N, C-alpha and C. Protein backbone atom coordinates (compact mmCIF):
# COMPACT_ATOMS: atom_id res chain seq x y z
N MET A 1 -9.55 -6.35 -25.91
CA MET A 1 -10.44 -6.15 -24.78
C MET A 1 -9.69 -6.45 -23.48
N SER A 2 -9.87 -5.60 -22.52
CA SER A 2 -9.25 -5.78 -21.21
C SER A 2 -10.16 -6.62 -20.34
N ARG A 3 -9.66 -7.76 -19.87
CA ARG A 3 -10.47 -8.61 -18.99
C ARG A 3 -10.72 -7.93 -17.66
N ILE A 4 -9.71 -7.24 -17.16
CA ILE A 4 -9.87 -6.53 -15.89
C ILE A 4 -10.80 -5.34 -16.07
N GLY A 5 -10.62 -4.59 -17.12
CA GLY A 5 -11.42 -3.39 -17.36
C GLY A 5 -12.90 -3.68 -17.56
N LYS A 6 -13.23 -4.84 -18.16
CA LYS A 6 -14.63 -5.19 -18.42
C LYS A 6 -15.40 -5.48 -17.15
N ALA A 7 -14.73 -5.95 -16.10
CA ALA A 7 -15.42 -6.38 -14.88
C ALA A 7 -16.01 -5.16 -14.15
N PRO A 8 -17.30 -5.21 -13.81
CA PRO A 8 -17.90 -4.09 -13.08
C PRO A 8 -17.46 -4.10 -11.62
N ILE A 9 -17.50 -2.94 -10.99
CA ILE A 9 -17.13 -2.80 -9.59
C ILE A 9 -18.42 -2.65 -8.79
N GLY A 10 -18.65 -3.56 -7.86
CA GLY A 10 -19.82 -3.48 -7.00
C GLY A 10 -19.62 -2.47 -5.89
N ILE A 11 -20.64 -1.68 -5.61
CA ILE A 11 -20.56 -0.68 -4.54
C ILE A 11 -21.27 -1.26 -3.32
N PRO A 12 -20.53 -1.53 -2.24
CA PRO A 12 -21.17 -2.07 -1.04
C PRO A 12 -22.01 -1.02 -0.32
N ASP A 13 -22.84 -1.48 0.62
CA ASP A 13 -23.61 -0.55 1.44
C ASP A 13 -22.64 0.32 2.24
N LYS A 14 -23.07 1.48 2.64
CA LYS A 14 -22.28 2.45 3.42
C LYS A 14 -21.17 3.11 2.61
N VAL A 15 -21.13 2.88 1.30
CA VAL A 15 -20.12 3.52 0.46
C VAL A 15 -20.82 4.46 -0.52
N GLU A 16 -20.30 5.68 -0.60
CA GLU A 16 -20.89 6.69 -1.46
C GLU A 16 -19.86 7.07 -2.53
N VAL A 17 -20.28 7.01 -3.80
CA VAL A 17 -19.39 7.32 -4.92
C VAL A 17 -19.96 8.52 -5.66
N LYS A 18 -19.09 9.54 -5.87
CA LYS A 18 -19.49 10.73 -6.63
C LYS A 18 -18.54 10.85 -7.81
N ILE A 19 -19.14 11.00 -9.00
CA ILE A 19 -18.35 11.16 -10.22
C ILE A 19 -18.59 12.56 -10.76
N ASN A 20 -17.53 13.35 -10.86
CA ASN A 20 -17.61 14.72 -11.37
C ASN A 20 -16.62 14.83 -12.53
N GLY A 21 -17.08 14.51 -13.73
CA GLY A 21 -16.20 14.50 -14.90
C GLY A 21 -15.19 13.37 -14.78
N SER A 22 -13.92 13.71 -14.66
CA SER A 22 -12.90 12.68 -14.53
C SER A 22 -12.44 12.51 -13.08
N GLU A 23 -13.01 13.29 -12.14
CA GLU A 23 -12.65 13.17 -10.73
C GLU A 23 -13.68 12.30 -10.02
N VAL A 24 -13.18 11.30 -9.29
CA VAL A 24 -14.05 10.38 -8.56
C VAL A 24 -13.74 10.49 -7.08
N THR A 25 -14.79 10.61 -6.27
CA THR A 25 -14.66 10.65 -4.82
C THR A 25 -15.40 9.45 -4.24
N VAL A 26 -14.71 8.68 -3.42
CA VAL A 26 -15.31 7.50 -2.77
C VAL A 26 -15.25 7.73 -1.27
N LYS A 27 -16.40 7.66 -0.61
CA LYS A 27 -16.49 7.89 0.83
C LYS A 27 -17.08 6.66 1.49
N GLY A 28 -16.46 6.21 2.58
CA GLY A 28 -16.94 5.03 3.28
C GLY A 28 -16.57 5.09 4.75
N PRO A 29 -16.76 3.97 5.46
CA PRO A 29 -16.50 3.97 6.90
C PRO A 29 -15.03 4.19 7.27
N LYS A 30 -14.09 3.85 6.41
CA LYS A 30 -12.66 4.00 6.72
C LYS A 30 -12.07 5.31 6.22
N GLY A 31 -12.86 6.15 5.57
CA GLY A 31 -12.33 7.43 5.11
C GLY A 31 -12.87 7.83 3.76
N GLU A 32 -12.20 8.82 3.17
CA GLU A 32 -12.60 9.36 1.88
C GLU A 32 -11.37 9.44 0.98
N LEU A 33 -11.53 9.00 -0.27
CA LEU A 33 -10.44 9.02 -1.25
C LEU A 33 -10.90 9.74 -2.51
N LYS A 34 -9.99 10.54 -3.09
CA LYS A 34 -10.27 11.25 -4.34
C LYS A 34 -9.18 10.88 -5.33
N TYR A 35 -9.57 10.77 -6.59
CA TYR A 35 -8.60 10.48 -7.65
C TYR A 35 -9.10 11.11 -8.94
N THR A 36 -8.20 11.72 -9.68
CA THR A 36 -8.54 12.29 -10.98
C THR A 36 -8.02 11.35 -12.06
N PHE A 37 -8.94 10.78 -12.83
CA PHE A 37 -8.58 9.83 -13.88
C PHE A 37 -8.30 10.57 -15.17
N ARG A 38 -7.65 9.89 -16.10
CA ARG A 38 -7.32 10.49 -17.38
C ARG A 38 -8.56 10.58 -18.25
N LYS A 39 -8.51 11.47 -19.23
CA LYS A 39 -9.66 11.72 -20.11
C LYS A 39 -9.93 10.55 -21.05
N GLU A 40 -8.96 9.66 -21.25
CA GLU A 40 -9.14 8.52 -22.16
C GLU A 40 -10.10 7.46 -21.61
N VAL A 41 -10.49 7.59 -20.34
CA VAL A 41 -11.32 6.58 -19.68
C VAL A 41 -12.64 7.21 -19.26
N LYS A 42 -13.73 6.48 -19.51
CA LYS A 42 -15.07 6.95 -19.16
C LYS A 42 -15.58 6.11 -17.98
N ILE A 43 -16.02 6.78 -16.92
CA ILE A 43 -16.50 6.10 -15.71
C ILE A 43 -17.98 6.42 -15.54
N GLU A 44 -18.79 5.36 -15.41
CA GLU A 44 -20.24 5.53 -15.27
C GLU A 44 -20.73 4.76 -14.06
N LYS A 45 -21.70 5.36 -13.36
CA LYS A 45 -22.29 4.72 -12.18
C LYS A 45 -23.75 4.41 -12.48
N ALA A 46 -24.13 3.17 -12.19
CA ALA A 46 -25.52 2.75 -12.37
C ALA A 46 -25.93 1.90 -11.17
N ASP A 47 -26.92 2.35 -10.42
CA ASP A 47 -27.39 1.67 -9.21
C ASP A 47 -26.22 1.39 -8.27
N LYS A 48 -25.90 0.13 -8.03
CA LYS A 48 -24.83 -0.26 -7.11
C LYS A 48 -23.61 -0.80 -7.86
N VAL A 49 -23.37 -0.30 -9.08
CA VAL A 49 -22.28 -0.81 -9.92
C VAL A 49 -21.59 0.37 -10.61
N ILE A 50 -20.26 0.27 -10.72
CA ILE A 50 -19.48 1.25 -11.49
C ILE A 50 -18.88 0.52 -12.68
N ASN A 51 -19.02 1.10 -13.86
CA ASN A 51 -18.43 0.54 -15.08
C ASN A 51 -17.37 1.49 -15.62
N VAL A 52 -16.27 0.92 -16.06
CA VAL A 52 -15.18 1.69 -16.66
C VAL A 52 -15.05 1.24 -18.10
N SER A 53 -14.91 2.20 -19.02
CA SER A 53 -14.76 1.87 -20.43
C SER A 53 -13.84 2.90 -21.09
N PRO A 54 -13.21 2.51 -22.19
CA PRO A 54 -12.37 3.50 -22.89
C PRO A 54 -13.26 4.53 -23.58
N ALA A 55 -12.85 5.79 -23.54
CA ALA A 55 -13.64 6.87 -24.14
C ALA A 55 -13.48 6.91 -25.65
N GLU A 56 -12.39 6.35 -26.15
CA GLU A 56 -12.12 6.35 -27.59
C GLU A 56 -11.41 5.05 -27.95
N GLU A 57 -11.23 4.81 -29.22
CA GLU A 57 -10.59 3.58 -29.69
C GLU A 57 -9.11 3.79 -29.96
N SER A 58 -8.40 4.38 -29.02
CA SER A 58 -6.97 4.58 -29.21
C SER A 58 -6.18 3.60 -28.34
N THR A 59 -4.91 3.47 -28.63
CA THR A 59 -4.05 2.58 -27.86
C THR A 59 -3.89 3.10 -26.43
N ALA A 60 -3.79 4.41 -26.27
CA ALA A 60 -3.64 4.99 -24.94
C ALA A 60 -4.88 4.74 -24.09
N ALA A 61 -6.06 4.84 -24.70
CA ALA A 61 -7.29 4.61 -23.95
C ALA A 61 -7.39 3.16 -23.50
N LYS A 62 -7.01 2.23 -24.37
CA LYS A 62 -7.05 0.82 -24.00
C LYS A 62 -6.02 0.49 -22.92
N ALA A 63 -4.87 1.18 -22.97
CA ALA A 63 -3.83 0.95 -21.97
C ALA A 63 -4.27 1.44 -20.59
N MET A 64 -5.03 2.52 -20.53
CA MET A 64 -5.46 3.10 -19.25
C MET A 64 -6.72 2.45 -18.70
N TRP A 65 -7.42 1.67 -19.50
CA TRP A 65 -8.70 1.09 -19.13
C TRP A 65 -8.59 0.16 -17.92
N GLY A 66 -7.75 -0.85 -18.02
CA GLY A 66 -7.62 -1.83 -16.92
C GLY A 66 -7.01 -1.22 -15.68
N MET A 67 -6.03 -0.34 -15.86
CA MET A 67 -5.39 0.30 -14.71
C MET A 67 -6.39 1.18 -13.95
N SER A 68 -7.20 1.92 -14.68
CA SER A 68 -8.18 2.80 -14.05
C SER A 68 -9.22 2.00 -13.28
N ARG A 69 -9.63 0.89 -13.83
CA ARG A 69 -10.60 0.03 -13.14
C ARG A 69 -10.00 -0.53 -11.85
N THR A 70 -8.71 -0.91 -11.89
CA THR A 70 -8.05 -1.46 -10.71
C THR A 70 -7.89 -0.38 -9.63
N VAL A 71 -7.52 0.82 -10.02
CA VAL A 71 -7.38 1.92 -9.06
C VAL A 71 -8.72 2.21 -8.40
N LEU A 72 -9.78 2.24 -9.20
CA LEU A 72 -11.12 2.51 -8.67
C LEU A 72 -11.57 1.38 -7.74
N GLY A 73 -11.29 0.14 -8.11
CA GLY A 73 -11.61 -1.00 -7.25
C GLY A 73 -10.86 -0.95 -5.93
N ASN A 74 -9.58 -0.53 -5.97
CA ASN A 74 -8.79 -0.40 -4.75
C ASN A 74 -9.32 0.73 -3.87
N MET A 75 -9.86 1.78 -4.47
CA MET A 75 -10.45 2.86 -3.69
C MET A 75 -11.67 2.36 -2.92
N VAL A 76 -12.53 1.59 -3.59
CA VAL A 76 -13.73 1.06 -2.94
C VAL A 76 -13.34 0.08 -1.83
N THR A 77 -12.36 -0.79 -2.10
CA THR A 77 -11.90 -1.74 -1.08
C THR A 77 -11.26 -1.01 0.09
N GLY A 78 -10.50 0.04 -0.19
CA GLY A 78 -9.81 0.79 0.86
C GLY A 78 -10.74 1.46 1.84
N VAL A 79 -11.84 2.06 1.35
CA VAL A 79 -12.75 2.75 2.27
C VAL A 79 -13.67 1.78 3.00
N THR A 80 -13.74 0.51 2.55
CA THR A 80 -14.58 -0.46 3.27
C THR A 80 -13.75 -1.30 4.25
N THR A 81 -12.67 -1.93 3.78
CA THR A 81 -11.89 -2.82 4.65
C THR A 81 -10.50 -2.28 4.95
N GLY A 82 -9.91 -1.49 4.07
CA GLY A 82 -8.58 -0.94 4.27
C GLY A 82 -7.50 -1.91 3.82
N PHE A 83 -6.24 -1.46 3.89
CA PHE A 83 -5.10 -2.26 3.47
C PHE A 83 -4.09 -2.33 4.60
N VAL A 84 -3.34 -3.43 4.67
CA VAL A 84 -2.35 -3.63 5.72
C VAL A 84 -1.07 -4.15 5.10
N LYS A 85 0.06 -3.59 5.50
CA LYS A 85 1.39 -4.12 5.17
C LYS A 85 2.07 -4.41 6.50
N THR A 86 2.65 -5.61 6.62
CA THR A 86 3.30 -6.01 7.85
C THR A 86 4.80 -6.15 7.63
N LEU A 87 5.56 -5.50 8.49
CA LEU A 87 7.02 -5.58 8.46
C LEU A 87 7.50 -6.30 9.71
N GLU A 88 8.59 -7.03 9.58
CA GLU A 88 9.17 -7.77 10.70
C GLU A 88 10.61 -7.29 10.88
N PHE A 89 11.02 -7.04 12.12
CA PHE A 89 12.41 -6.65 12.35
C PHE A 89 13.13 -7.69 13.19
N ASN A 90 14.37 -7.99 12.79
CA ASN A 90 15.22 -8.96 13.48
C ASN A 90 16.56 -8.32 13.76
N GLY A 91 17.06 -8.46 14.96
CA GLY A 91 18.36 -7.93 15.32
C GLY A 91 18.44 -7.68 16.81
N VAL A 92 19.63 -7.76 17.36
CA VAL A 92 19.82 -7.57 18.79
C VAL A 92 19.58 -6.10 19.12
N GLY A 93 18.66 -5.84 20.04
CA GLY A 93 18.37 -4.48 20.47
C GLY A 93 17.47 -3.70 19.54
N TYR A 94 16.95 -4.31 18.50
CA TYR A 94 16.05 -3.61 17.59
C TYR A 94 14.69 -3.47 18.27
N LYS A 95 14.16 -2.23 18.29
CA LYS A 95 12.87 -1.97 18.92
C LYS A 95 12.08 -0.99 18.08
N ALA A 96 10.77 -0.98 18.28
CA ALA A 96 9.90 -0.02 17.61
C ALA A 96 8.79 0.37 18.58
N ALA A 97 8.33 1.61 18.46
CA ALA A 97 7.24 2.10 19.30
C ALA A 97 6.48 3.17 18.52
N VAL A 98 5.18 3.28 18.82
CA VAL A 98 4.33 4.28 18.17
C VAL A 98 3.82 5.22 19.26
N ALA A 99 4.00 6.52 19.04
CA ALA A 99 3.46 7.53 19.94
C ALA A 99 2.72 8.56 19.08
N GLY A 100 1.40 8.51 19.11
CA GLY A 100 0.60 9.40 18.27
C GLY A 100 0.78 9.05 16.81
N SER A 101 1.30 10.00 16.04
CA SER A 101 1.52 9.72 14.62
C SER A 101 3.02 9.64 14.30
N THR A 102 3.83 9.28 15.30
CA THR A 102 5.27 9.13 15.12
C THR A 102 5.68 7.70 15.41
N LEU A 103 6.39 7.11 14.47
CA LEU A 103 6.94 5.76 14.63
C LEU A 103 8.41 5.92 14.99
N THR A 104 8.79 5.42 16.17
CA THR A 104 10.17 5.52 16.63
C THR A 104 10.84 4.16 16.49
N LEU A 105 11.96 4.13 15.78
CA LEU A 105 12.66 2.88 15.50
C LEU A 105 14.08 2.93 16.06
N ASN A 106 14.49 1.89 16.79
CA ASN A 106 15.87 1.71 17.22
C ASN A 106 16.39 0.52 16.44
N LEU A 107 17.24 0.79 15.44
CA LEU A 107 17.67 -0.25 14.51
C LEU A 107 19.19 -0.43 14.48
N GLY A 108 19.83 -0.26 15.64
CA GLY A 108 21.25 -0.51 15.71
C GLY A 108 22.11 0.70 15.38
N TYR A 109 21.51 1.83 15.05
CA TYR A 109 22.27 3.04 14.81
C TYR A 109 22.54 3.73 16.15
N SER A 110 23.35 4.76 16.15
CA SER A 110 23.67 5.48 17.38
C SER A 110 22.52 6.38 17.84
N HIS A 111 21.49 6.50 17.03
CA HIS A 111 20.37 7.37 17.33
C HIS A 111 19.06 6.68 16.95
N PRO A 112 17.96 7.01 17.62
CA PRO A 112 16.67 6.48 17.19
C PRO A 112 16.17 7.22 15.95
N ILE A 113 15.37 6.55 15.15
CA ILE A 113 14.80 7.14 13.94
C ILE A 113 13.33 7.45 14.23
N ASP A 114 12.96 8.72 14.13
CA ASP A 114 11.57 9.13 14.31
C ASP A 114 10.97 9.37 12.93
N TYR A 115 9.95 8.59 12.58
CA TYR A 115 9.29 8.71 11.28
C TYR A 115 7.88 9.21 11.51
N LYS A 116 7.58 10.35 10.94
CA LYS A 116 6.24 10.95 11.06
C LYS A 116 5.32 10.28 10.03
N LEU A 117 4.29 9.62 10.51
CA LEU A 117 3.35 8.94 9.61
C LEU A 117 2.46 9.97 8.92
N PRO A 118 2.24 9.82 7.61
CA PRO A 118 1.35 10.77 6.92
C PRO A 118 -0.11 10.59 7.35
N LYS A 119 -0.90 11.60 7.05
CA LYS A 119 -2.32 11.57 7.39
C LYS A 119 -2.99 10.41 6.65
N GLY A 120 -3.80 9.65 7.36
CA GLY A 120 -4.50 8.52 6.76
C GLY A 120 -3.80 7.19 6.93
N VAL A 121 -2.64 7.19 7.59
CA VAL A 121 -1.88 5.96 7.81
C VAL A 121 -1.64 5.80 9.31
N GLU A 122 -1.86 4.59 9.80
CA GLU A 122 -1.64 4.27 11.21
C GLU A 122 -0.68 3.10 11.30
N ALA A 123 0.01 3.01 12.43
CA ALA A 123 0.94 1.90 12.65
C ALA A 123 0.68 1.27 14.01
N LYS A 124 0.87 -0.05 14.09
CA LYS A 124 0.77 -0.79 15.35
C LYS A 124 2.02 -1.65 15.47
N VAL A 125 2.54 -1.75 16.69
CA VAL A 125 3.73 -2.55 16.94
C VAL A 125 3.36 -3.70 17.86
N ASN A 126 3.68 -4.94 17.45
CA ASN A 126 3.48 -6.14 18.26
C ASN A 126 4.80 -6.90 18.30
N LYS A 127 5.44 -6.96 19.46
CA LYS A 127 6.72 -7.65 19.64
C LYS A 127 7.72 -7.26 18.56
N ASN A 128 7.90 -8.08 17.52
CA ASN A 128 8.88 -7.75 16.48
C ASN A 128 8.23 -7.51 15.12
N THR A 129 6.98 -7.09 15.10
CA THR A 129 6.31 -6.76 13.84
C THR A 129 5.72 -5.35 13.90
N ILE A 130 5.66 -4.73 12.74
CA ILE A 130 5.03 -3.42 12.59
C ILE A 130 3.95 -3.56 11.54
N GLU A 131 2.69 -3.24 11.90
CA GLU A 131 1.58 -3.28 10.96
C GLU A 131 1.24 -1.86 10.54
N ILE A 132 1.21 -1.62 9.24
CA ILE A 132 0.89 -0.30 8.71
C ILE A 132 -0.49 -0.39 8.06
N HIS A 133 -1.46 0.38 8.57
CA HIS A 133 -2.85 0.35 8.12
C HIS A 133 -3.21 1.64 7.42
N GLY A 134 -4.11 1.55 6.45
CA GLY A 134 -4.63 2.74 5.80
C GLY A 134 -5.65 2.39 4.74
N SER A 135 -6.33 3.40 4.22
CA SER A 135 -7.35 3.16 3.19
C SER A 135 -6.79 3.34 1.78
N ASP A 136 -5.67 4.05 1.63
CA ASP A 136 -5.06 4.28 0.33
C ASP A 136 -3.95 3.26 0.11
N LYS A 137 -4.15 2.35 -0.82
CA LYS A 137 -3.19 1.26 -1.05
C LYS A 137 -1.82 1.78 -1.45
N GLU A 138 -1.79 2.78 -2.30
CA GLU A 138 -0.53 3.35 -2.76
C GLU A 138 0.25 3.98 -1.60
N LEU A 139 -0.43 4.71 -0.74
CA LEU A 139 0.22 5.37 0.40
C LEU A 139 0.71 4.36 1.43
N VAL A 140 -0.06 3.32 1.69
CA VAL A 140 0.35 2.28 2.64
C VAL A 140 1.61 1.57 2.13
N GLY A 141 1.65 1.24 0.86
CA GLY A 141 2.83 0.60 0.28
C GLY A 141 4.04 1.51 0.29
N PHE A 142 3.83 2.81 0.05
CA PHE A 142 4.92 3.78 0.06
C PHE A 142 5.52 3.92 1.45
N VAL A 143 4.66 4.03 2.47
CA VAL A 143 5.13 4.17 3.85
C VAL A 143 5.89 2.91 4.28
N ALA A 144 5.37 1.73 3.92
CA ALA A 144 6.04 0.49 4.28
C ALA A 144 7.42 0.41 3.62
N ALA A 145 7.52 0.84 2.38
CA ALA A 145 8.81 0.83 1.68
C ALA A 145 9.78 1.82 2.31
N GLN A 146 9.29 2.98 2.73
CA GLN A 146 10.17 3.95 3.38
C GLN A 146 10.68 3.43 4.72
N VAL A 147 9.80 2.83 5.52
CA VAL A 147 10.21 2.29 6.81
C VAL A 147 11.22 1.16 6.61
N ARG A 148 10.99 0.30 5.63
CA ARG A 148 11.91 -0.80 5.34
C ARG A 148 13.28 -0.28 4.92
N SER A 149 13.33 0.87 4.24
CA SER A 149 14.59 1.40 3.74
C SER A 149 15.52 1.90 4.85
N PHE A 150 15.01 2.08 6.08
CA PHE A 150 15.87 2.52 7.17
C PHE A 150 16.91 1.47 7.55
N ARG A 151 16.58 0.19 7.42
CA ARG A 151 17.53 -0.89 7.67
C ARG A 151 17.07 -2.11 6.89
N GLU A 152 17.51 -2.20 5.63
CA GLU A 152 17.12 -3.33 4.79
C GLU A 152 17.77 -4.60 5.30
N PRO A 153 17.15 -5.75 5.09
CA PRO A 153 17.72 -7.00 5.62
C PRO A 153 19.04 -7.34 4.93
N GLU A 154 19.99 -7.80 5.72
CA GLU A 154 21.27 -8.19 5.15
C GLU A 154 21.30 -9.71 4.97
N PRO A 155 22.06 -10.21 4.00
CA PRO A 155 21.97 -11.62 3.61
C PRO A 155 22.73 -12.60 4.50
N TYR A 156 23.56 -12.13 5.45
CA TYR A 156 24.36 -13.06 6.24
C TYR A 156 23.65 -13.53 7.49
N LYS A 157 23.14 -12.62 8.30
CA LYS A 157 22.43 -13.01 9.52
C LYS A 157 20.93 -12.73 9.44
N GLY A 158 20.50 -11.99 8.42
CA GLY A 158 19.07 -11.69 8.26
C GLY A 158 18.61 -10.53 9.12
N LYS A 159 19.54 -9.74 9.66
CA LYS A 159 19.17 -8.60 10.49
C LYS A 159 18.59 -7.48 9.63
N GLY A 160 17.61 -6.78 10.16
CA GLY A 160 17.02 -5.65 9.46
C GLY A 160 15.51 -5.73 9.42
N LEU A 161 14.90 -4.86 8.63
CA LEU A 161 13.44 -4.82 8.45
C LEU A 161 13.09 -5.51 7.14
N LYS A 162 12.11 -6.41 7.19
CA LYS A 162 11.66 -7.07 5.97
C LYS A 162 10.15 -7.22 6.02
N TYR A 163 9.56 -7.39 4.83
CA TYR A 163 8.13 -7.68 4.77
C TYR A 163 7.90 -9.07 5.35
N ILE A 164 6.74 -9.30 5.93
CA ILE A 164 6.47 -10.56 6.63
C ILE A 164 6.50 -11.75 5.67
N ASP A 165 6.13 -11.55 4.40
CA ASP A 165 6.12 -12.66 3.44
C ASP A 165 7.36 -12.67 2.55
N GLU A 166 8.34 -11.83 2.85
CA GLU A 166 9.55 -11.75 2.04
C GLU A 166 10.54 -12.85 2.44
N LYS A 167 11.15 -13.48 1.47
CA LYS A 167 12.16 -14.50 1.70
C LYS A 167 13.53 -13.88 1.45
N ILE A 168 14.43 -14.01 2.42
CA ILE A 168 15.77 -13.48 2.26
C ILE A 168 16.69 -14.64 1.86
N ILE A 169 17.40 -14.46 0.76
CA ILE A 169 18.35 -15.48 0.31
C ILE A 169 19.62 -15.29 1.14
N ARG A 170 19.95 -16.31 1.94
CA ARG A 170 21.07 -16.21 2.85
C ARG A 170 22.36 -16.64 2.16
N LYS A 171 23.45 -15.97 2.53
CA LYS A 171 24.77 -16.32 2.03
C LYS A 171 25.53 -17.09 3.10
N ALA A 172 26.52 -17.87 2.68
CA ALA A 172 27.23 -18.74 3.61
C ALA A 172 28.23 -17.99 4.48
N GLY A 173 28.83 -16.93 4.00
CA GLY A 173 29.84 -16.22 4.78
C GLY A 173 31.21 -16.82 4.53
N LYS A 174 32.21 -16.31 5.24
CA LYS A 174 33.57 -16.78 5.03
C LYS A 174 33.80 -18.13 5.69
N THR A 175 34.63 -18.91 5.08
CA THR A 175 35.09 -20.14 5.73
C THR A 175 36.54 -19.91 6.12
N GLY A 176 36.98 -20.63 7.15
CA GLY A 176 38.35 -20.47 7.64
C GLY A 176 39.37 -20.93 6.58
N ALA A 177 40.61 -20.49 6.76
CA ALA A 177 41.68 -20.88 5.85
C ALA A 177 41.94 -22.37 5.98
N LYS A 178 42.02 -23.04 4.86
CA LYS A 178 42.23 -24.50 4.88
C LYS A 178 43.72 -24.77 4.95
N LYS A 179 44.08 -25.73 5.80
CA LYS A 179 45.50 -26.07 5.96
C LYS A 179 45.80 -27.41 5.37
């Protein structure tokens, strides 16, 4: 039995859930999300609760049970409160700016990097942090990982882009020749 899969998902006010076979649409104040689940999982809606259960007694159905419940729970959370990933940049002359749906980064290269944000994702820049907001948890994490990949943190001085809660293991560097 999946402990995660057994837990029902509460539907808050202002959230509308439509189940059409294996496709689920969740609509709320922060947007609308659609996901097509596998046939091994059965999704049922009753009043203000969604229940997920395996459709058959196979290993594949049990494996997909907890994951499907978590994805559905993240969809409901995303359309109500949304998700945020925060990146921090350190380095001399490193800058970031947002203009419309384009994130412009100056990260020590000879040219600025213009990153077009996908639909449903927004970015905010505060001093040396970049906040990436959205209702789709997977998309927010993907965009944050792509932005971080432009200049990953290096272990000697810590320059680069890193997640706000990420710890960088620092190296000592060279020591002078001993006489």
